[in-house]
C-alpha atoms as a PDB file:
ATOM      1  CA  UNK A   1     169.976 110.772 144.543  1.00  0.00           C
ATOM      2  CA  UNK A   2     171.262 107.224 144.172  1.00  0.00           C
ATOM      3  CA  UNK A   3     169.043 104.165 144.651  1.00  0.00           C
ATOM      4  CA  UNK A   4     170.367 103.283 148.129  1.00  0.00           C
ATOM      5  CA  UNK A   5     169.693 106.818 149.417  1.00  0.00           C
ATOM      6  CA  UNK A   6     166.206 106.833 147.891  1.00  0.00           C
ATOM      7  CA  UNK A   7     165.342 103.496 149.511  1.00  0.00           C
ATOM      8  CA  UNK A   8     166.651 104.651 152.892  1.00  0.00           C
ATOM      9  CA  UNK A   9     164.612 107.871 152.685  1.00  0.00           C
ATOM     10  CA  UNK A  10     161.449 105.785 152.159  1.00  0.00           C
ATOM     11  CA  UNK A  11     162.143 103.047 154.722  1.00  0.00           C
ATOM     12  CA  UNK A  12     164.496 103.174 157.702  1.00  0.00           C
ATOM     13  CA  UNK A  13     164.764 106.973 157.931  1.00  0.00           C
ATOM     14  CA  UNK A  14     161.046 107.750 158.424  1.00  0.00           C
ATOM     15  CA  UNK A  15     160.634 104.647 160.599  1.00  0.00           C
ATOM     16  CA  UNK A  16     163.361 105.886 162.926  1.00  0.00           C
ATOM     17  CA  UNK A  17     161.968 109.462 162.951  1.00  0.00           C
ATOM     18  CA  UNK A  18     158.589 108.093 164.068  1.00  0.00           C
ATOM     19  CA  UNK A  19     160.126 105.673 166.584  1.00  0.00           C
ATOM     20  CA  UNK A  20     159.060 102.514 164.732  1.00  0.00           C
ATOM     21  CA  UNK A  21     161.978 100.225 165.521  1.00  0.00           C
ATOM     22  CA  UNK A  22     160.225  97.191 164.004  1.00  0.00           C
ATOM     23  CA  UNK A  23     159.752  98.783 160.558  1.00  0.00           C
ATOM     24  CA  UNK A  24     161.945 100.024 157.736  1.00  0.00           C
ATOM     25  CA  UNK A  25     164.671  97.418 158.247  1.00  0.00           C
ATOM     26  CA  UNK A  26     165.272  93.810 157.303  1.00  0.00           C
ATOM     27  CA  UNK A  27     166.129  91.851 160.432  1.00  0.00           C
ATOM     28  CA  UNK A  28     164.733  89.140 162.663  1.00  0.00           C
ATOM     29  CA  UNK A  29     161.737  90.379 164.637  1.00  0.00           C
ATOM     30  CA  UNK A  30     160.927  93.255 162.260  1.00  0.00           C
ATOM     31  CA  UNK A  31     157.619  93.493 160.392  1.00  0.00           C
ATOM     32  CA  UNK A  32     158.091  91.966 156.948  1.00  0.00           C
ATOM     33  CA  UNK A  33     157.051  94.834 154.670  1.00  0.00           C
ATOM     34  CA  UNK A  34     159.179  94.217 151.575  1.00  0.00           C
ATOM     35  CA  UNK A  35     159.172  95.175 147.900  1.00  0.00           C
ATOM     36  CA  UNK A  36     161.102  93.169 145.309  1.00  0.00           C
ATOM     37  CA  UNK A  37     161.677  95.103 142.101  1.00  0.00           C
ATOM     38  CA  UNK A  38     163.918  95.200 139.051  1.00  0.00           C
ATOM     39  CA  UNK A  39     165.591  98.622 139.004  1.00  0.00           C
ATOM     40  CA  UNK A  40     166.168  98.337 135.248  1.00  0.00           C
ATOM     41  CA  UNK A  41     162.455  97.754 134.630  1.00  0.00           C
ATOM     42  CA  UNK A  42     160.998 100.134 137.230  1.00  0.00           C
ATOM     43  CA  UNK A  43     158.800 102.702 135.489  1.00  0.00           C
ATOM     44  CA  UNK A  44     156.392 105.221 136.963  1.00  0.00           C
ATOM     45  CA  UNK A  45     153.391 105.407 134.632  1.00  0.00           C
ATOM     46  CA  UNK A  46     151.524 108.099 136.573  1.00  0.00           C
ATOM     47  CA  UNK A  47     151.197 111.545 135.046  1.00  0.00           C
ATOM     48  CA  UNK A  48     149.880 114.836 136.336  1.00  0.00           C
ATOM     49  CA  UNK A  49     146.664 114.387 134.341  1.00  0.00           C
ATOM     50  CA  UNK A  50     146.320 110.647 135.072  1.00  0.00           C
ATOM     51  CA  UNK A  51     147.947 110.013 138.474  1.00  0.00           C
ATOM     52  CA  UNK A  52     146.275 106.690 139.301  1.00  0.00           C
ATOM     53  CA  UNK A  53     148.504 104.428 137.228  1.00  0.00           C
ATOM     54  CA  UNK A  54     150.442 101.430 138.491  1.00  0.00           C
ATOM     55  CA  UNK A  55     154.203 101.330 138.182  1.00  0.00           C
ATOM     56  CA  UNK A  56     155.952  98.628 136.197  1.00  0.00           C
ATOM     57  CA  UNK A  57     158.871  96.548 137.398  1.00  0.00           C
ATOM     58  CA  UNK A  58     157.513  95.691 140.859  1.00  0.00           C
ATOM     59  CA  UNK A  59     157.560  91.900 141.062  1.00  0.00           C
ATOM     60  CA  UNK A  60     156.602  91.118 144.672  1.00  0.00           C
ATOM     61  CA  UNK A  61     155.222  93.060 147.651  1.00  0.00           C
ATOM     62  CA  UNK A  62     154.954  91.577 151.136  1.00  0.00           C
ATOM     63  CA  UNK A  63     152.937  93.383 153.809  1.00  0.00           C
ATOM     64  CA  UNK A  64     153.327  91.994 157.295  1.00  0.00           C
ATOM     65  CA  UNK A  65     154.840  88.876 155.744  1.00  0.00           C
ATOM     66  CA  UNK A  66     151.849  88.262 153.458  1.00  0.00           C
ATOM     67  CA  UNK A  67     152.223  88.384 149.684  1.00  0.00           C
ATOM     68  CA  UNK A  68     150.177  91.288 148.309  1.00  0.00           C
ATOM     69  CA  UNK A  69     151.732  91.345 144.818  1.00  0.00           C
ATOM     70  CA  UNK A  70     153.041  88.249 143.071  1.00  0.00           C
ATOM     71  CA  UNK A  71     154.793  88.423 139.700  1.00  0.00           C
ATOM     72  CA  UNK A  72     153.441  91.943 139.232  1.00  0.00           C
ATOM     73  CA  UNK A  73     149.823  90.990 139.902  1.00  0.00           C
ATOM     74  CA  UNK A  74     147.849  92.221 142.905  1.00  0.00           C
ATOM     75  CA  UNK A  75     146.323  89.772 145.370  1.00  0.00           C
ATOM     76  CA  UNK A  76     142.652  90.383 146.124  1.00  0.00           C
ATOM     77  CA  UNK A  77     143.331  90.590 149.883  1.00  0.00           C
ATOM     78  CA  UNK A  78     144.046  93.932 151.550  1.00  0.00           C
ATOM     79  CA  UNK A  79     146.921  93.313 153.950  1.00  0.00           C
ATOM     80  CA  UNK A  80     148.002  96.887 154.634  1.00  0.00           C
ATOM     81  CA  UNK A  81     146.983  98.803 157.715  1.00  0.00           C
ATOM     82  CA  UNK A  82     147.089 102.373 158.955  1.00  0.00           C
ATOM     83  CA  UNK A  83     150.074 102.985 161.212  1.00  0.00           C
ATOM     84  CA  UNK A  84     149.452 105.266 164.147  1.00  0.00           C
ATOM     85  CA  UNK A  85     151.878 106.928 166.464  1.00  0.00           C
ATOM     86  CA  UNK A  86     151.308 106.234 170.153  1.00  0.00           C
END
């Protein structure tokens, strides 16, 4: 699977399946949940025996427009929220 297809399968595709028109896309009026990463540096460090490892290569994460990760370091605030289907 190429990178564009992988990103779509984690963003706009499930958002559209669950009827969340304000998520999974980058456009005016949408919720600003964004991840900025370097595809050449992206590494999954989790293993079967030690699954709770952070990935490398993720530079910034914005949740609802608020910066949760900056330069690879987590903010102490918890900006995420559980999404429910009405």
